Amino acid sequence: MEHNLSSYVEYVKDPRVVGRCDHLLSDILLIAICTYITGGTDYQDMYMFSRERGEKLKGCLLKLPNGSPSADTFERVFKYLDVDSLKKQSIQI
């Protein structure tokens, strides 16, 4: 069965409060992965990646319904993200 990067992150448990999030967890995770692949190292690089390349990836990889997440948003999400849910998802794929 063929899997793509988007399907991998769709099932990661979102640690944030439902209804109080402006950005999709899948967008945040995909931006982080793309930033890392392209040599980025921190939350500011994730923000810059999404600002510079987000529109080009919108529709094919990202949705970005509320624009680019800030560096602070990336930091908050990764602070509370359950690493075990990422591991479990990689085992299933």
N, C-alpha and C. Protein backbone atom coordinates (compact mmCIF):
# COMPACT_ATOMS: atom_id res chain seq x y z
N MET A 1 0.84 -1.18 0.00
CA MET A 1 0.00 0.00 0.00
C MET A 1 0.88 1.24 0.00
N GLU A 2 0.57 2.18 -0.87
CA GLU A 2 1.36 3.39 -1.00
C GLU A 2 0.94 4.42 0.05
N HIS A 3 1.93 5.03 0.69
CA HIS A 3 1.68 6.09 1.68
C HIS A 3 2.46 7.32 1.26
N ASN A 4 1.90 8.47 1.54
CA ASN A 4 2.65 9.69 1.31
C ASN A 4 2.87 10.39 2.64
N LEU A 5 3.66 11.41 2.62
CA LEU A 5 4.03 12.13 3.84
C LEU A 5 2.81 12.70 4.54
N SER A 6 1.85 13.19 3.78
CA SER A 6 0.64 13.77 4.38
C SER A 6 -0.15 12.74 5.17
N SER A 7 -0.25 11.54 4.65
CA SER A 7 -1.03 10.51 5.36
C SER A 7 -0.35 10.09 6.66
N TYR A 8 0.95 10.21 6.72
CA TYR A 8 1.70 9.86 7.94
C TYR A 8 1.32 10.79 9.10
N VAL A 9 1.24 12.07 8.83
CA VAL A 9 1.03 13.03 9.92
C VAL A 9 -0.44 13.24 10.27
N GLU A 10 -1.35 12.78 9.44
CA GLU A 10 -2.78 12.98 9.70
C GLU A 10 -3.25 12.30 10.98
N TYR A 11 -2.60 11.24 11.38
CA TYR A 11 -3.07 10.46 12.52
C TYR A 11 -2.27 10.68 13.80
N VAL A 12 -1.37 11.64 13.79
CA VAL A 12 -0.62 11.96 15.00
C VAL A 12 -1.57 12.68 15.96
N LYS A 13 -1.53 12.29 17.21
CA LYS A 13 -2.42 12.87 18.23
C LYS A 13 -2.08 14.34 18.46
N ASP A 14 -3.09 15.18 18.34
CA ASP A 14 -2.92 16.62 18.53
C ASP A 14 -3.05 16.96 20.01
N PRO A 15 -2.01 17.54 20.63
CA PRO A 15 -2.04 17.83 22.07
C PRO A 15 -2.77 19.13 22.41
N ARG A 16 -3.19 19.86 21.40
CA ARG A 16 -3.78 21.18 21.64
C ARG A 16 -5.26 21.11 21.98
N VAL A 17 -5.78 22.19 22.55
CA VAL A 17 -7.19 22.28 22.91
C VAL A 17 -8.02 22.42 21.63
N VAL A 18 -9.02 21.57 21.49
CA VAL A 18 -9.87 21.59 20.31
C VAL A 18 -10.63 22.92 20.26
N GLY A 19 -10.67 23.52 19.09
CA GLY A 19 -11.39 24.77 18.90
C GLY A 19 -10.58 26.02 19.18
N ARG A 20 -9.36 25.85 19.67
CA ARG A 20 -8.53 27.02 19.97
C ARG A 20 -7.26 27.05 19.14
N CYS A 21 -7.28 26.36 18.00
CA CYS A 21 -6.09 26.26 17.16
C CYS A 21 -6.35 26.93 15.82
N ASP A 22 -5.45 27.79 15.42
CA ASP A 22 -5.57 28.46 14.12
C ASP A 22 -4.93 27.67 12.99
N HIS A 23 -4.02 26.76 13.33
CA HIS A 23 -3.25 26.04 12.32
C HIS A 23 -3.42 24.54 12.47
N LEU A 24 -3.42 23.86 11.35
CA LEU A 24 -3.56 22.41 11.35
C LEU A 24 -2.28 21.75 11.84
N LEU A 25 -2.42 20.74 12.67
CA LEU A 25 -1.24 20.01 13.14
C LEU A 25 -0.50 19.40 11.97
N SER A 26 -1.22 18.89 10.99
CA SER A 26 -0.57 18.29 9.82
C SER A 26 0.31 19.31 9.10
N ASP A 27 -0.15 20.56 8.97
CA ASP A 27 0.67 21.60 8.34
C ASP A 27 1.93 21.87 9.16
N ILE A 28 1.78 21.96 10.47
CA ILE A 28 2.92 22.24 11.34
C ILE A 28 3.96 21.13 11.23
N LEU A 29 3.52 19.89 11.27
CA LEU A 29 4.46 18.76 11.19
C LEU A 29 5.12 18.67 9.82
N LEU A 30 4.35 18.88 8.76
CA LEU A 30 4.92 18.81 7.41
C LEU A 30 5.93 19.93 7.18
N ILE A 31 5.62 21.13 7.66
CA ILE A 31 6.57 22.24 7.54
C ILE A 31 7.84 21.92 8.31
N ALA A 32 7.70 21.35 9.50
CA ALA A 32 8.88 20.99 10.30
C ALA A 32 9.75 19.97 9.57
N ILE A 33 9.12 18.96 8.99
CA ILE A 33 9.88 17.93 8.25
C ILE A 33 10.58 18.54 7.04
N CYS A 34 9.85 19.35 6.29
CA CYS A 34 10.44 19.99 5.11
C CYS A 34 11.58 20.93 5.49
N THR A 35 11.41 21.65 6.60
CA THR A 35 12.46 22.55 7.08
C THR A 35 13.72 21.76 7.42
N TYR A 36 13.54 20.66 8.12
CA TYR A 36 14.68 19.82 8.50
C TYR A 36 15.39 19.26 7.25
N ILE A 37 14.61 18.79 6.29
CA ILE A 37 15.18 18.22 5.06
C ILE A 37 15.99 19.26 4.30
N THR A 38 15.55 20.52 4.35
CA THR A 38 16.23 21.58 3.62
C THR A 38 17.30 22.29 4.44
N GLY A 39 17.65 21.73 5.60
CA GLY A 39 18.77 22.26 6.37
C GLY A 39 18.40 23.19 7.51
N GLY A 40 17.12 23.37 7.77
CA GLY A 40 16.68 24.22 8.87
C GLY A 40 16.94 23.54 10.21
N THR A 41 17.08 24.35 11.24
CA THR A 41 17.45 23.78 12.54
C THR A 41 16.58 24.21 13.72
N ASP A 42 15.73 25.24 13.54
CA ASP A 42 14.98 25.71 14.70
C ASP A 42 13.60 26.22 14.29
N TYR A 43 12.85 26.70 15.27
CA TYR A 43 11.48 27.16 15.03
C TYR A 43 11.43 28.37 14.11
N GLN A 44 12.39 29.23 14.22
CA GLN A 44 12.45 30.40 13.33
C GLN A 44 12.64 29.95 11.88
N ASP A 45 13.45 28.92 11.66
CA ASP A 45 13.63 28.38 10.31
C ASP A 45 12.32 27.77 9.79
N MET A 46 11.56 27.15 10.68
CA MET A 46 10.26 26.59 10.28
C MET A 46 9.32 27.71 9.84
N TYR A 47 9.30 28.78 10.60
CA TYR A 47 8.48 29.93 10.25
C TYR A 47 8.91 30.50 8.90
N MET A 48 10.20 30.68 8.72
CA MET A 48 10.71 31.24 7.47
C MET A 48 10.40 30.33 6.28
N PHE A 49 10.53 29.03 6.49
CA PHE A 49 10.20 28.08 5.42
C PHE A 49 8.74 28.24 5.02
N SER A 50 7.85 28.31 6.01
CA SER A 50 6.43 28.41 5.69
C SER A 50 6.10 29.75 5.03
N ARG A 51 6.77 30.81 5.41
CA ARG A 51 6.53 32.12 4.79
C ARG A 51 7.04 32.15 3.35
N GLU A 52 8.22 31.56 3.13
CA GLU A 52 8.84 31.62 1.81
C GLU A 52 8.29 30.59 0.82
N ARG A 53 7.91 29.42 1.32
CA ARG A 53 7.51 28.33 0.42
C ARG A 53 6.09 27.82 0.64
N GLY A 54 5.43 28.31 1.66
CA GLY A 54 4.10 27.82 2.01
C GLY A 54 3.08 27.95 0.89
N GLU A 55 3.04 29.10 0.24
CA GLU A 55 2.07 29.31 -0.83
C GLU A 55 2.30 28.36 -2.01
N LYS A 56 3.57 28.07 -2.28
CA LYS A 56 3.89 27.16 -3.39
C LYS A 56 3.46 25.73 -3.07
N LEU A 57 3.48 25.36 -1.80
CA LEU A 57 3.11 24.00 -1.38
C LEU A 57 1.64 23.88 -1.01
N LYS A 58 0.93 25.00 -1.00
CA LYS A 58 -0.48 25.01 -0.65
C LYS A 58 -1.27 24.25 -1.72
N GLY A 59 -2.07 23.35 -1.26
CA GLY A 59 -2.89 22.56 -2.19
C GLY A 59 -2.31 21.19 -2.48
N CYS A 60 -0.99 21.10 -2.64
CA CYS A 60 -0.39 19.79 -2.92
C CYS A 60 0.13 19.11 -1.66
N LEU A 61 0.62 19.88 -0.70
CA LEU A 61 1.16 19.31 0.53
C LEU A 61 0.56 19.96 1.78
N LEU A 62 0.38 21.26 1.72
CA LEU A 62 -0.11 22.03 2.87
C LEU A 62 -1.49 22.62 2.58
N LYS A 63 -2.21 22.93 3.66
CA LYS A 63 -3.51 23.59 3.52
C LYS A 63 -3.42 25.06 3.95
N LEU A 64 -2.74 25.32 5.06
CA LEU A 64 -2.52 26.67 5.59
C LEU A 64 -3.76 27.56 5.55
N PRO A 65 -4.87 27.13 6.18
CA PRO A 65 -6.10 27.92 6.13
C PRO A 65 -5.97 29.30 6.78
N ASN A 66 -5.04 29.46 7.69
CA ASN A 66 -4.84 30.74 8.37
C ASN A 66 -3.43 31.29 8.18
N GLY A 67 -2.82 30.95 7.07
CA GLY A 67 -1.47 31.44 6.80
C GLY A 67 -0.40 30.65 7.52
N SER A 68 0.77 31.23 7.59
CA SER A 68 1.92 30.56 8.20
C SER A 68 1.89 30.62 9.71
N PRO A 69 2.15 29.50 10.37
CA PRO A 69 2.27 29.52 11.83
C PRO A 69 3.51 30.31 12.26
N SER A 70 3.44 30.95 13.39
CA SER A 70 4.59 31.70 13.89
C SER A 70 5.62 30.75 14.51
N ALA A 71 6.80 31.27 14.75
CA ALA A 71 7.85 30.48 15.41
C ALA A 71 7.37 30.06 16.80
N ASP A 72 6.64 30.94 17.48
CA ASP A 72 6.10 30.61 18.81
C ASP A 72 5.09 29.46 18.73
N THR A 73 4.30 29.42 17.67
CA THR A 73 3.33 28.33 17.49
C THR A 73 4.06 27.01 17.33
N PHE A 74 5.09 26.99 16.50
CA PHE A 74 5.88 25.76 16.34
C PHE A 74 6.44 25.30 17.68
N GLU A 75 6.98 26.24 18.43
CA GLU A 75 7.57 25.89 19.73
C GLU A 75 6.53 25.32 20.68
N ARG A 76 5.37 25.95 20.78
CA ARG A 76 4.31 25.46 21.67
C ARG A 76 3.86 24.06 21.28
N VAL A 77 3.65 23.83 19.98
CA VAL A 77 3.17 22.52 19.54
C VAL A 77 4.20 21.44 19.85
N PHE A 78 5.45 21.69 19.55
CA PHE A 78 6.47 20.67 19.79
C PHE A 78 6.76 20.46 21.27
N LYS A 79 6.47 21.46 22.08
CA LYS A 79 6.64 21.32 23.52
C LYS A 79 5.67 20.28 24.08
N TYR A 80 4.46 20.22 23.53
CA TYR A 80 3.42 19.34 24.07
C TYR A 80 3.15 18.11 23.21
N LEU A 81 3.81 18.00 22.08
CA LEU A 81 3.57 16.87 21.18
C LEU A 81 4.00 15.56 21.82
N ASP A 82 3.16 14.56 21.71
CA ASP A 82 3.44 13.24 22.27
C ASP A 82 4.35 12.48 21.30
N VAL A 83 5.60 12.35 21.65
CA VAL A 83 6.58 11.69 20.79
C VAL A 83 6.21 10.23 20.56
N ASP A 84 5.61 9.60 21.54
CA ASP A 84 5.21 8.20 21.39
C ASP A 84 4.17 8.02 20.29
N SER A 85 3.29 9.02 20.09
CA SER A 85 2.30 8.89 19.03
C SER A 85 2.98 8.96 17.66
N LEU A 86 4.06 9.70 17.55
CA LEU A 86 4.83 9.74 16.31
C LEU A 86 5.49 8.37 16.05
N LYS A 87 6.04 7.80 17.10
CA LYS A 87 6.68 6.49 16.96
C LYS A 87 5.67 5.42 16.57
N LYS A 88 4.51 5.42 17.21
CA LYS A 88 3.48 4.43 16.91
C LYS A 88 3.02 4.54 15.47
N GLN A 89 2.87 5.78 15.00
CA GLN A 89 2.42 5.99 13.61
C GLN A 89 3.46 5.48 12.62
N SER A 90 4.74 5.67 12.92
CA SER A 90 5.77 5.20 11.98
C SER A 90 5.82 3.69 11.94
N ILE A 91 5.49 3.04 13.02
CA ILE A 91 5.46 1.57 13.04
C ILE A 91 4.31 1.05 12.20
N GLN A 92 3.16 1.72 12.23
CA GLN A 92 1.99 1.30 11.48
C GLN A 92 2.18 1.46 9.97
N ILE A 93 2.97 2.41 9.57
CA ILE A 93 3.20 2.64 8.15
C ILE A 93 4.33 1.77 7.71
